[in-house]
Amino acid sequence: MDRLGQLDLFVAVAEIGSISGAAEARGMSIAAASRTLAALEERLGVLLVRRSTRTLSLTDEGGKLLVRARSILADVADSEAELTGAALAPSGLLRVSASLSFALLHIAPRLPAYHALYPNVRVHVEVSNRYVDLIDAGIDVAIRTREFEPDRAITIRRLAETRRILTAAPAYLAKAGMPLHPLDLAQHALLLYVYANNPNELGFTRGAETVRVPAHGLLESNDGQILRAAALNGHGVLVQPTYIVHDDVMAGRLVPVLDDWDLPRLRINFAYPTRKHLSAKVRSFIAFVAADFEANAFTHRWTGATQRPAAGAPSCMGR
């Protein structure tokens, strides 16, 4: 087998986790796959895979090669696509990364329409509320709220912008009252996302006014959906991006709190490994999502003032 074939088989073994599975995926016998992997290790002079009767794991050298091999194979596939015209027909496995909230609310609902246009693209959605290393994880494109990427090998493209807002259930506000000033939050139960920038301080602005409020959550979590569920159950005041709670606010399940004050906004970006030739599947996904977001005017929805609480809602003593 040629060198690219060896690398392709090695990547399959690493991703599938077994030589037999990789052999089946590549349409070859287990013996042939074992010989191919052994030949690659012999050619490089290092052990890439630790084998046992029950487990298979990469050595440090194998992990390093996996990153490079994925990049090499992707570059070859992109170049072949351009030469053969396959770039016009997106196909293959597309690995997408996003937070659970974004994937649940804004990726999964759009996949049926995307697949109607591009039926030959298989999509794997990798959910993580932390910023994963795209190259190490083999991610084709991520959607995340990160102002910049420290890795120069990652390209970013703006998708949308969103406010971070405070909301609470009507039942909670009926019991605890409506805060009228950021300092009133000291009297309230806060539901805080621990992966936010500086989660233990809220920096509010209103015109020329600036107020910084220490934030200590009655409930803290690394997942926005847990906090949203708590807010819907009347557990406290939620601090989350508008893209997570917009529909709840419009439906009256949650009520905006201190909506005339602003927290720092978040920019939502596509992030993907920088390549001279971006693959058709990545281009098609980015273009589809960007067009859908523009058609729905999500930035306008998520950065404007939200629905006001009903008149007569109880309130705290304001300042």
C-alpha atoms as a PDB file:
ATOM      1  CA  MET A   1       0.000   0.000   0.000  1.00  0.00           C
ATOM      2  CA  ASP A   2       1.268   3.541  -0.803  1.00  0.00           C
ATOM      3  CA  ARG A   3       2.108   6.100   1.857  1.00  0.00           C
ATOM      4  CA  LEU A   4      -1.239   7.904   1.669  1.00  0.00           C
ATOM      5  CA  GLY A   5      -3.008   4.577   1.974  1.00  0.00           C
ATOM      6  CA  GLN A   6      -1.010   3.776   5.090  1.00  0.00           C
ATOM      7  CA  LEU A   7      -1.906   7.131   6.626  1.00  0.00           C
ATOM      8  CA  ASP A   8      -5.572   6.683   5.729  1.00  0.00           C
ATOM      9  CA  LEU A   9      -5.651   3.270   7.382  1.00  0.00           C
ATOM     10  CA  PHE A  10      -3.851   4.630  10.464  1.00  0.00           C
ATOM     11  CA  VAL A  11      -6.394   7.465  10.818  1.00  0.00           C
ATOM     12  CA  ALA A  12      -9.239   4.949  10.502  1.00  0.00           C
ATOM     13  CA  VAL A  13      -7.709   2.764  13.226  1.00  0.00           C
ATOM     14  CA  ALA A  14      -7.322   5.787  15.533  1.00  0.00           C
ATOM     15  CA  GLU A  15     -10.849   7.101  14.949  1.00  0.00           C
ATOM     16  CA  ILE A  16     -12.676   3.772  15.023  1.00  0.00           C
ATOM     17  CA  GLY A  17     -10.586   2.358  17.843  1.00  0.00           C
ATOM     18  CA  SER A  18      -9.906  -1.067  16.386  1.00  0.00           C
ATOM     19  CA  ILE A  19      -7.982  -2.638  13.523  1.00  0.00           C
ATOM     20  CA  SER A  20     -10.915  -4.882  12.620  1.00  0.00           C
ATOM     21  CA  GLY A  21     -13.285  -1.902  12.432  1.00  0.00           C
ATOM     22  CA  ALA A  22     -10.835   0.074  10.318  1.00  0.00           C
ATOM     23  CA  ALA A  23     -10.349  -2.927   8.014  1.00  0.00           C
ATOM     24  CA  GLU A  24     -14.092  -3.223   7.493  1.00  0.00           C
ATOM     25  CA  ALA A  25     -14.434   0.517   6.858  1.00  0.00           C
ATOM     26  CA  ARG A  26     -11.665   0.418   4.255  1.00  0.00           C
ATOM     27  CA  GLY A  27     -12.840  -2.797   2.601  1.00  0.00           C
ATOM     28  CA  MET A  28      -9.815  -4.910   3.427  1.00  0.00           C
ATOM     29  CA  SER A  29      -9.050  -7.968   5.512  1.00  0.00           C
ATOM     30  CA  ILE A  30      -7.947  -7.674   9.135  1.00  0.00           C
ATOM     31  CA  ALA A  31      -4.639  -9.313   8.219  1.00  0.00           C
ATOM     32  CA  ALA A  32      -4.024  -6.786   5.442  1.00  0.00           C
ATOM     33  CA  ALA A  33      -4.873  -3.902   7.776  1.00  0.00           C
ATOM     34  CA  SER A  34      -2.496  -5.232  10.434  1.00  0.00           C
ATOM     35  CA  ARG A  35       0.289  -5.571   7.861  1.00  0.00           C
ATOM     36  CA  THR A  36      -0.335  -2.028   6.602  1.00  0.00           C
ATOM     37  CA  LEU A  37      -0.158  -0.559  10.085  1.00  0.00           C
ATOM     38  CA  ALA A  38       2.994  -2.556  10.874  1.00  0.00           C
ATOM     39  CA  ALA A  39       4.586  -1.370   7.617  1.00  0.00           C
ATOM     40  CA  LEU A  40       3.863   2.270   8.523  1.00  0.00           C
ATOM     41  CA  GLU A  41       5.435   1.820  11.958  1.00  0.00           C
ATOM     42  CA  GLU A  42       8.460   0.098  10.441  1.00  0.00           C
ATOM     43  CA  ARG A  43       8.904   2.846   7.850  1.00  0.00           C
ATOM     44  CA  LEU A  44       8.735   5.580  10.509  1.00  0.00           C
ATOM     45  CA  GLY A  45      10.732   3.621  13.071  1.00  0.00           C
ATOM     46  CA  VAL A  46       8.292   4.269  15.932  1.00  0.00           C
ATOM     47  CA  LEU A  47       5.413   2.475  17.650  1.00  0.00           C
ATOM     48  CA  LEU A  48       2.186   4.289  16.800  1.00  0.00           C
ATOM     49  CA  VAL A  49      -0.439   2.048  18.387  1.00  0.00           C
ATOM     50  CA  ARG A  50      -0.382   0.057  21.612  1.00  0.00           C
ATOM     51  CA  ARG A  51      -2.230  -3.195  21.031  1.00  0.00           C
ATOM     52  CA  SER A  52      -3.715  -5.594  23.547  1.00  0.00           C
ATOM     53  CA  THR A  53      -6.411  -8.233  23.412  1.00  0.00           C
ATOM     54  CA  ARG A  54      -9.038  -5.762  24.644  1.00  0.00           C
ATOM     55  CA  THR A  55      -7.840  -2.234  24.020  1.00  0.00           C
ATOM     56  CA  LEU A  56      -6.056  -0.159  21.434  1.00  0.00           C
ATOM     57  CA  SER A  57      -4.507   3.235  22.171  1.00  0.00           C
ATOM     58  CA  LEU A  58      -2.168   5.678  20.469  1.00  0.00           C
ATOM     59  CA  THR A  59       1.344   6.313  21.705  1.00  0.00           C
ATOM     60  CA  ASP A  60       2.556   9.904  22.018  1.00  0.00           C
ATOM     61  CA  GLU A  61       4.101   9.572  18.559  1.00  0.00           C
ATOM     62  CA  GLY A  62       0.839   8.153  17.239  1.00  0.00           C
ATOM     63  CA  GLY A  63      -1.122  11.113  18.603  1.00  0.00           C
ATOM     64  CA  LYS A  64       1.232  13.562  16.908  1.00  0.00           C
ATOM     65  CA  LEU A  65       1.019  11.695  13.619  1.00  0.00           C
ATOM     66  CA  LEU A  66      -2.780  11.606  13.781  1.00  0.00           C
ATOM     67  CA  VAL A  67      -2.971  15.404  13.747  1.00  0.00           C
ATOM     68  CA  ARG A  68      -0.621  15.669  10.762  1.00  0.00           C
ATOM     69  CA  ALA A  69      -2.176  12.738   8.912  1.00  0.00           C
ATOM     70  CA  ARG A  70      -5.677  14.228   9.129  1.00  0.00           C
ATOM     71  CA  SER A  71      -4.377  17.505   7.732  1.00  0.00           C
ATOM     72  CA  ILE A  72      -2.465  15.785   4.916  1.00  0.00           C
ATOM     73  CA  LEU A  73      -5.418  13.643   3.885  1.00  0.00           C
ATOM     74  CA  ALA A  74      -7.774  16.628   3.992  1.00  0.00           C
ATOM     75  CA  ASP A  75      -5.423  18.664   1.778  1.00  0.00           C
ATOM     76  CA  VAL A  76      -5.208  15.805  -0.715  1.00  0.00           C
ATOM     77  CA  ALA A  77      -9.002  15.400  -0.767  1.00  0.00           C
ATOM     78  CA  ASP A  78      -9.501  19.143  -1.294  1.00  0.00           C
ATOM     79  CA  SER A  79      -7.007  19.227  -4.155  1.00  0.00           C
ATOM     80  CA  GLU A  80      -8.571  16.213  -5.833  1.00  0.00           C
ATOM     81  CA  ALA A  81     -12.014  17.746  -5.469  1.00  0.00           C
ATOM     82  CA  GLU A  82     -10.906  20.905  -7.253  1.00  0.00           C
ATOM     83  CA  LEU A  83      -9.342  18.959 -10.110  1.00  0.00           C
ATOM     84  CA  THR A  84     -12.193  16.519 -10.618  1.00  0.00           C
ATOM     85  CA  GLY A  85     -15.075  18.935 -10.171  1.00  0.00           C
ATOM     86  CA  ALA A  86     -16.273  17.205  -7.008  1.00  0.00           C
ATOM     87  CA  ALA A  87     -16.016  20.575  -5.294  1.00  0.00           C
ATOM     88  CA  LEU A  88     -19.385  21.350  -6.844  1.00  0.00           C
ATOM     89  CA  ALA A  89     -20.995  18.361  -5.130  1.00  0.00           C
ATOM     90  CA  PRO A  90     -20.263  18.404  -1.381  1.00  0.00           C
ATOM     91  CA  SER A  91     -19.924  14.946   0.126  1.00  0.00           C
ATOM     92  CA  GLY A  92     -18.292  12.998   2.935  1.00  0.00           C
ATOM     93  CA  LEU A  93     -18.279  13.341   6.716  1.00  0.00           C
ATOM     94  CA  LEU A  94     -18.541  16.867   8.124  1.00  0.00           C
ATOM     95  CA  ARG A  95     -17.490  17.218  11.772  1.00  0.00           C
ATOM     96  CA  VAL A  96     -19.114  20.232  13.448  1.00  0.00           C
ATOM     97  CA  SER A  97     -18.421  21.471  16.981  1.00  0.00           C
ATOM     98  CA  ALA A  98     -20.630  23.744  19.113  1.00  0.00           C
ATOM     99  CA  SER A  99     -21.904  24.183  22.641  1.00  0.00           C
ATOM    100  CA  LEU A 100     -24.864  22.065  23.678  1.00  0.00           C
ATOM    101  CA  SER A 101     -27.212  25.060  23.696  1.00  0.00           C
ATOM    102  CA  PHE A 102     -26.185  26.272  20.252  1.00  0.00           C
ATOM    103  CA  ALA A 103     -26.246  22.779  18.762  1.00  0.00           C
ATOM    104  CA  LEU A 104     -29.648  22.028  20.273  1.00  0.00           C
ATOM    105  CA  LEU A 105     -31.303  25.323  19.376  1.00  0.00           C
ATOM    106  CA  HIS A 106     -29.601  26.412  16.166  1.00  0.00           C
ATOM    107  CA  ILE A 107     -27.809  23.528  14.452  1.00  0.00           C
ATOM    108  CA  ALA A 108     -30.032  20.469  14.875  1.00  0.00           C
ATOM    109  CA  PRO A 109     -33.211  22.255  13.664  1.00  0.00           C
ATOM    110  CA  ARG A 110     -31.438  23.307  10.448  1.00  0.00           C
ATOM    111  CA  LEU A 111     -29.943  19.964   9.477  1.00  0.00           C
ATOM    112  CA  PRO A 112     -33.033  18.591   7.668  1.00  0.00           C
ATOM    113  CA  ALA A 113     -33.012  21.584   5.304  1.00  0.00           C
ATOM    114  CA  TYR A 114     -29.229  21.319   4.858  1.00  0.00           C
ATOM    115  CA  HIS A 115     -29.475  17.615   4.040  1.00  0.00           C
ATOM    116  CA  ALA A 116     -32.258  18.281   1.564  1.00  0.00           C
ATOM    117  CA  LEU A 117     -29.733  20.387  -0.374  1.00  0.00           C
ATOM    118  CA  TYR A 118     -26.662  18.242   0.287  1.00  0.00           C
ATOM    119  CA  PRO A 119     -27.763  14.622   0.809  1.00  0.00           C
ATOM    120  CA  ASN A 120     -24.238  13.253   0.328  1.00  0.00           C
ATOM    121  CA  VAL A 121     -22.817  15.054   3.359  1.00  0.00           C
ATOM    122  CA  ARG A 122     -22.946  13.117   6.623  1.00  0.00           C
ATOM    123  CA  VAL A 123     -22.830  15.376   9.687  1.00  0.00           C
ATOM    124  CA  HIS A 124     -21.269  14.555  13.043  1.00  0.00           C
ATOM    125  CA  VAL A 125     -22.061  17.158  15.729  1.00  0.00           C
ATOM    126  CA  GLU A 126     -19.471  17.201  18.497  1.00  0.00           C
ATOM    127  CA  VAL A 127     -20.940  18.956  21.544  1.00  0.00           C
ATOM    128  CA  SER A 128     -18.557  20.675  23.942  1.00  0.00           C
ATOM    129  CA  ASN A 129     -19.014  23.727  26.145  1.00  0.00           C
ATOM    130  CA  ARG A 130     -15.248  24.208  26.227  1.00  0.00           C
ATOM    131  CA  TYR A 131     -13.215  25.391  23.266  1.00  0.00           C
ATOM    132  CA  VAL A 132     -11.752  22.212  21.804  1.00  0.00           C
ATOM    133  CA  ASP A 133      -8.570  22.121  19.739  1.00  0.00           C
ATOM    134  CA  LEU A 134     -10.079  21.875  16.267  1.00  0.00           C
ATOM    135  CA  ILE A 135      -7.073  20.254  14.643  1.00  0.00           C
ATOM    136  CA  ASP A 136      -6.432  17.710  17.406  1.00  0.00           C
ATOM    137  CA  ALA A 137     -10.138  16.803  17.498  1.00  0.00           C
ATOM    138  CA  GLY A 138     -10.448  16.554  13.716  1.00  0.00           C
ATOM    139  CA  ILE A 139     -13.184  19.228  13.611  1.00  0.00           C
ATOM    140  CA  ASP A 140     -14.019  20.713  10.211  1.00  0.00           C
ATOM    141  CA  VAL A 141     -15.899  23.749  11.490  1.00  0.00           C
ATOM    142  CA  ALA A 142     -16.899  25.056  14.915  1.00  0.00           C
ATOM    143  CA  ILE A 143     -19.410  27.703  15.931  1.00  0.00           C
ATOM    144  CA  ARG A 144     -18.423  29.488  19.113  1.00  0.00           C
ATOM    145  CA  THR A 145     -18.437  32.806  20.966  1.00  0.00           C
ATOM    146  CA  ARG A 146     -14.728  33.548  20.936  1.00  0.00           C
ATOM    147  CA  GLU A 147     -13.431  36.995  20.000  1.00  0.00           C
ATOM    148  CA  PHE A 148     -10.213  35.650  18.498  1.00  0.00           C
ATOM    149  CA  GLU A 149      -8.365  32.374  18.032  1.00  0.00           C
ATOM    150  CA  PRO A 150      -4.903  32.153  19.627  1.00  0.00           C
ATOM    151  CA  ASP A 151      -3.880  29.552  17.036  1.00  0.00           C
ATOM    152  CA  ARG A 152      -2.901  31.212  13.758  1.00  0.00           C
ATOM    153  CA  ALA A 153      -3.807  27.988  11.974  1.00  0.00           C
ATOM    154  CA  ILE A 154      -7.497  28.705  12.688  1.00  0.00           C
ATOM    155  CA  THR A 155      -9.575  31.053  10.536  1.00  0.00           C
ATOM    156  CA  ILE A 156     -12.646  32.809  11.953  1.00  0.00           C
ATOM    157  CA  ARG A 157     -15.656  34.321  10.178  1.00  0.00           C
ATOM    158  CA  ARG A 158     -18.379  36.311  11.866  1.00  0.00           C
ATOM    159  CA  LEU A 159     -21.823  34.701  11.962  1.00  0.00           C
ATOM    160  CA  ALA A 160     -23.849  36.859  14.371  1.00  0.00           C
ATOM    161  CA  GLU A 161     -23.799  38.959  17.508  1.00  0.00           C
ATOM    162  CA  THR A 162     -25.846  38.549  20.671  1.00  0.00           C
ATOM    163  CA  ARG A 163     -26.535  40.364  23.886  1.00  0.00           C
ATOM    164  CA  ARG A 164     -26.194  38.657  27.253  1.00  0.00           C
ATOM    165  CA  ILE A 165     -29.339  39.328  29.209  1.00  0.00           C
ATOM    166  CA  LEU A 166     -30.898  38.588  32.577  1.00  0.00           C
ATOM    167  CA  THR A 167     -34.242  36.789  32.713  1.00  0.00           C
ATOM    168  CA  ALA A 168     -36.414  35.117  35.314  1.00  0.00           C
ATOM    169  CA  ALA A 169     -39.685  33.217  35.430  1.00  0.00           C
ATOM    170  CA  PRO A 170     -42.841  35.192  36.268  1.00  0.00           C
ATOM    171  CA  ALA A 171     -43.339  32.993  39.337  1.00  0.00           C
ATOM    172  CA  TYR A 172     -39.877  33.883  40.673  1.00  0.00           C
ATOM    173  CA  LEU A 173     -40.444  37.620  40.140  1.00  0.00           C
ATOM    174  CA  ALA A 174     -43.853  37.418  41.788  1.00  0.00           C
ATOM    175  CA  LYS A 175     -42.118  36.013  44.866  1.00  0.00           C
ATOM    176  CA  ALA A 176     -38.817  37.928  44.892  1.00  0.00           C
ATOM    177  CA  GLY A 177     -39.719  41.137  43.068  1.00  0.00           C
ATOM    178  CA  MET A 178     -38.296  42.786  39.950  1.00  0.00           C
ATOM    179  CA  PRO A 179     -34.769  44.249  40.294  1.00  0.00           C
ATOM    180  CA  LEU A 180     -34.698  47.857  39.091  1.00  0.00           C
ATOM    181  CA  HIS A 181     -30.950  48.479  39.412  1.00  0.00           C
ATOM    182  CA  PRO A 182     -27.942  46.120  39.063  1.00  0.00           C
ATOM    183  CA  LEU A 183     -27.131  46.517  42.761  1.00  0.00           C
ATOM    184  CA  ASP A 184     -30.541  44.988  43.561  1.00  0.00           C
ATOM    185  CA  LEU A 185     -29.139  41.668  42.350  1.00  0.00           C
ATOM    186  CA  ALA A 186     -27.464  41.205  45.736  1.00  0.00           C
ATOM    187  CA  GLN A 187     -30.964  40.374  47.009  1.00  0.00           C
ATOM    188  CA  HIS A 188     -31.581  37.724  44.356  1.00  0.00           C
ATOM    189  CA  ALA A 189     -30.675  34.135  43.546  1.00  0.00           C
ATOM    190  CA  LEU A 190     -28.401  34.123  40.485  1.00  0.00           C
ATOM    191  CA  LEU A 191     -28.004  31.284  37.977  1.00  0.00           C
ATOM    192  CA  LEU A 192     -24.502  31.569  36.522  1.00  0.00           C
ATOM    193  CA  TYR A 193     -22.605  29.955  33.653  1.00  0.00           C
ATOM    194  CA  VAL A 194     -19.102  29.161  34.886  1.00  0.00           C
ATOM    195  CA  TYR A 195     -17.424  29.241  31.454  1.00  0.00           C
ATOM    196  CA  ALA A 196     -18.386  32.885  30.871  1.00  0.00           C
ATOM    197  CA  ASN A 197     -15.618  35.462  30.883  1.00  0.00           C
ATOM    198  CA  ASN A 198     -15.209  36.526  34.514  1.00  0.00           C
ATOM    199  CA  PRO A 199     -18.366  34.728  35.711  1.00  0.00           C
ATOM    200  CA  ASN A 200     -18.160  36.147  39.244  1.00  0.00           C
ATOM    201  CA  GLU A 201     -18.588  39.761  38.180  1.00  0.00           C
ATOM    202  CA  LEU A 202     -21.248  41.394  36.024  1.00  0.00           C
ATOM    203  CA  GLY A 203     -20.249  44.621  34.274  1.00  0.00           C
ATOM    204  CA  PHE A 204     -23.342  46.666  33.377  1.00  0.00           C
ATOM    205  CA  THR A 205     -23.513  49.796  31.222  1.00  0.00           C
ATOM    206  CA  ARG A 206     -26.380  52.199  30.519  1.00  0.00           C
ATOM    207  CA  GLY A 207     -25.376  55.183  28.480  1.00  0.00           C
ATOM    208  CA  ALA A 208     -22.460  56.757  30.351  1.00  0.00           C
ATOM    209  CA  GLU A 209     -23.184  54.772  33.540  1.00  0.00           C
ATOM    210  CA  THR A 210     -21.092  51.757  34.485  1.00  0.00           C
ATOM    211  CA  VAL A 211     -21.811  49.415  37.385  1.00  0.00           C
ATOM    212  CA  ARG A 212     -19.810  46.344  38.356  1.00  0.00           C
ATOM    213  CA  VAL A 213     -21.632  43.834  40.512  1.00  0.00           C
ATOM    214  CA  PRO A 214     -20.065  40.834  42.309  1.00  0.00           C
ATOM    215  CA  ALA A 215     -21.897  37.707  41.189  1.00  0.00           C
ATOM    216  CA  HIS A 216     -22.229  34.626  43.360  1.00  0.00           C
ATOM    217  CA  GLY A 217     -24.553  31.994  41.989  1.00  0.00           C
ATOM    218  CA  LEU A 218     -27.086  30.141  44.041  1.00  0.00           C
ATOM    219  CA  LEU A 219     -26.713  27.677  41.154  1.00  0.00           C
ATOM    220  CA  GLU A 220     -23.679  27.468  38.878  1.00  0.00           C
ATOM    221  CA  SER A 221     -23.160  25.136  35.928  1.00  0.00           C
ATOM    222  CA  ASN A 222     -20.949  24.538  32.927  1.00  0.00           C
ATOM    223  CA  ASP A 223     -24.047  24.019  30.760  1.00  0.00           C
ATOM    224  CA  GLY A 224     -26.586  26.668  29.795  1.00  0.00           C
ATOM    225  CA  GLN A 225     -29.480  24.244  29.435  1.00  0.00           C
ATOM    226  CA  ILE A 226     -29.259  23.221  33.096  1.00  0.00           C
ATOM    227  CA  LEU A 227     -29.406  26.879  34.108  1.00  0.00           C
ATOM    228  CA  ARG A 228     -32.254  27.590  31.684  1.00  0.00           C
ATOM    229  CA  ALA A 229     -34.279  24.697  33.127  1.00  0.00           C
ATOM    230  CA  ALA A 230     -33.684  26.053  36.623  1.00  0.00           C
ATOM    231  CA  ALA A 231     -34.843  29.509  35.557  1.00  0.00           C
ATOM    232  CA  LEU A 232     -37.996  28.108  33.952  1.00  0.00           C
ATOM    233  CA  ASN A 233     -38.726  26.365  37.257  1.00  0.00           C
ATOM    234  CA  GLY A 234     -38.535  29.679  39.120  1.00  0.00           C
ATOM    235  CA  HIS A 235     -35.160  29.056  40.760  1.00  0.00           C
ATOM    236  CA  GLY A 236     -33.617  32.480  40.190  1.00  0.00           C
ATOM    237  CA  VAL A 237     -32.314  35.120  37.775  1.00  0.00           C
ATOM    238  CA  LEU A 238     -30.581  33.653  34.737  1.00  0.00           C
ATOM    239  CA  VAL A 239     -27.608  35.280  32.974  1.00  0.00           C
ATOM    240  CA  GLN A 240     -27.320  33.906  29.429  1.00  0.00           C
ATOM    241  CA  PRO A 241     -26.969  34.995  25.791  1.00  0.00           C
ATOM    242  CA  THR A 242     -30.193  36.055  24.084  1.00  0.00           C
ATOM    243  CA  TYR A 243     -29.835  33.242  21.543  1.00  0.00           C
ATOM    244  CA  ILE A 244     -30.558  30.758  24.343  1.00  0.00           C
ATOM    245  CA  VAL A 245     -33.578  32.473  25.938  1.00  0.00           C
ATOM    246  CA  HIS A 246     -35.135  34.497  23.107  1.00  0.00           C
ATOM    247  CA  ASP A 247     -37.965  32.052  22.411  1.00  0.00           C
ATOM    248  CA  ASP A 248     -38.702  31.695  26.125  1.00  0.00           C
ATOM    249  CA  VAL A 249     -38.984  35.467  26.438  1.00  0.00           C
ATOM    250  CA  MET A 250     -41.239  35.754  23.398  1.00  0.00           C
ATOM    251  CA  ALA A 251     -43.475  33.011  24.816  1.00  0.00           C
ATOM    252  CA  GLY A 252     -43.645  34.662  28.231  1.00  0.00           C
ATOM    253  CA  ARG A 253     -41.954  31.758  29.996  1.00  0.00           C
ATOM    254  CA  LEU A 254     -39.134  34.084  31.037  1.00  0.00           C
ATOM    255  CA  VAL A 255     -39.221  37.823  31.649  1.00  0.00           C
ATOM    256  CA  PRO A 256     -36.321  40.215  30.907  1.00  0.00           C
ATOM    257  CA  VAL A 257     -34.670  41.742  33.966  1.00  0.00           C
ATOM    258  CA  LEU A 258     -32.782  45.070  33.854  1.00  0.00           C
ATOM    259  CA  ASP A 259     -33.241  45.157  30.089  1.00  0.00           C
ATOM    260  CA  ASP A 260     -32.237  48.824  29.888  1.00  0.00           C
ATOM    261  CA  TRP A 261     -28.743  47.827  31.083  1.00  0.00           C
ATOM    262  CA  ASP A 262     -26.203  46.080  28.864  1.00  0.00           C
ATOM    263  CA  LEU A 263     -23.668  43.376  29.617  1.00  0.00           C
ATOM    264  CA  PRO A 264     -20.724  42.879  27.203  1.00  0.00           C
ATOM    265  CA  ARG A 265     -22.001  41.397  23.969  1.00  0.00           C
ATOM    266  CA  LEU A 266     -20.803  38.186  22.402  1.00  0.00           C
ATOM    267  CA  ARG A 267     -19.717  37.656  18.813  1.00  0.00           C
ATOM    268  CA  ILE A 268     -20.654  34.287  17.339  1.00  0.00           C
ATOM    269  CA  ASN A 269     -18.079  33.017  14.832  1.00  0.00           C
ATOM    270  CA  PHE A 270     -17.393  30.136  12.536  1.00  0.00           C
ATOM    271  CA  ALA A 271     -13.915  28.759  13.235  1.00  0.00           C
ATOM    272  CA  TYR A 272     -12.137  26.287  10.974  1.00  0.00           C
ATOM    273  CA  PRO A 273      -8.613  25.118  10.169  1.00  0.00           C
ATOM    274  CA  THR A 274      -6.949  27.459   7.710  1.00  0.00           C
ATOM    275  CA  ARG A 275      -6.508  25.850   4.307  1.00  0.00           C
ATOM    276  CA  LYS A 276      -5.614  27.125   0.865  1.00  0.00           C
ATOM    277  CA  HIS A 277      -8.610  25.221  -0.501  1.00  0.00           C
ATOM    278  CA  LEU A 278     -11.619  24.977   1.807  1.00  0.00           C
ATOM    279  CA  SER A 279     -13.500  21.736   1.179  1.00  0.00           C
ATOM    280  CA  ALA A 280     -16.897  21.822  -0.496  1.00  0.00           C
ATOM    281  CA  LYS A 281     -18.658  20.316   2.517  1.00  0.00           C
ATOM    282  CA  VAL A 282     -17.295  23.037   4.825  1.00  0.00           C
ATOM    283  CA  ARG A 283     -18.069  25.810   2.335  1.00  0.00           C
ATOM    284  CA  SER A 284     -21.600  24.524   1.845  1.00  0.00           C
ATOM    285  CA  PHE A 285     -22.312  24.327   5.580  1.00  0.00           C
ATOM    286  CA  ILE A 286     -20.922  27.788   6.342  1.00  0.00           C
ATOM    287  CA  ALA A 287     -22.819  29.349   3.432  1.00  0.00           C
ATOM    288  CA  PHE A 288     -26.064  27.583   4.367  1.00  0.00           C
ATOM    289  CA  VAL A 289     -25.978  28.575   8.045  1.00  0.00           C
ATOM    290  CA  ALA A 290     -24.857  32.151   7.303  1.00  0.00           C
ATOM    291  CA  ALA A 291     -27.652  32.640   4.752  1.00  0.00           C
ATOM    292  CA  ASP A 292     -30.233  31.210   7.138  1.00  0.00           C
ATOM    293  CA  PHE A 293     -29.082  33.479   9.976  1.00  0.00           C
ATOM    294  CA  GLU A 294     -29.201  36.517   7.699  1.00  0.00           C
ATOM    295  CA  ALA A 295     -32.685  35.611   6.427  1.00  0.00           C
ATOM    296  CA  ASN A 296     -33.915  35.307  10.015  1.00  0.00           C
ATOM    297  CA  ALA A 297     -32.171  38.548  11.084  1.00  0.00           C
ATOM    298  CA  PHE A 298     -30.841  36.845  14.191  1.00  0.00           C
ATOM    299  CA  THR A 299     -28.314  39.567  15.013  1.00  0.00           C
ATOM    300  CA  HIS A 300     -31.135  42.126  14.971  1.00  0.00           C
ATOM    301  CA  ARG A 301     -33.301  39.891  17.167  1.00  0.00           C
ATOM    302  CA  TRP A 302     -30.542  39.106  19.624  1.00  0.00           C
ATOM    303  CA  THR A 303     -29.062  42.600  20.038  1.00  0.00           C
ATOM    304  CA  GLY A 304     -32.232  44.671  20.321  1.00  0.00           C
ATOM    305  CA  ALA A 305     -34.351  45.324  23.379  1.00  0.00           C
ATOM    306  CA  THR A 306     -36.293  42.255  24.448  1.00  0.00           C
ATOM    307  CA  GLN A 307     -39.944  42.015  25.393  1.00  0.00           C
ATOM    308  CA  ARG A 308     -40.775  44.067  28.473  1.00  0.00           C
ATOM    309  CA  PRO A 309     -42.318  42.593  31.616  1.00  0.00           C
ATOM    310  CA  ALA A 310     -46.084  42.986  31.921  1.00  0.00           C
ATOM    311  CA  ALA A 311     -47.238  46.145  33.695  1.00  0.00           C
ATOM    312  CA  GLY A 312     -47.815  45.711  37.374  1.00  0.00           C
ATOM    313  CA  ALA A 313     -45.091  43.144  38.022  1.00  0.00           C
ATOM    314  CA  PRO A 314     -43.801  43.384  41.611  1.00  0.00           C
ATOM    315  CA  SER A 315     -40.442  45.088  42.038  1.00  0.00           C
ATOM    316  CA  CYS A 316     -37.569  45.505  44.463  1.00  0.00           C
ATOM    317  CA  MET A 317     -36.676  48.896  45.885  1.00  0.00           C
ATOM    318  CA  GLY A 318     -34.819  50.559  42.993  1.00  0.00           C
ATOM    319  CA  ARG A 319     -31.996  53.075  42.937  1.00  0.00           C
END
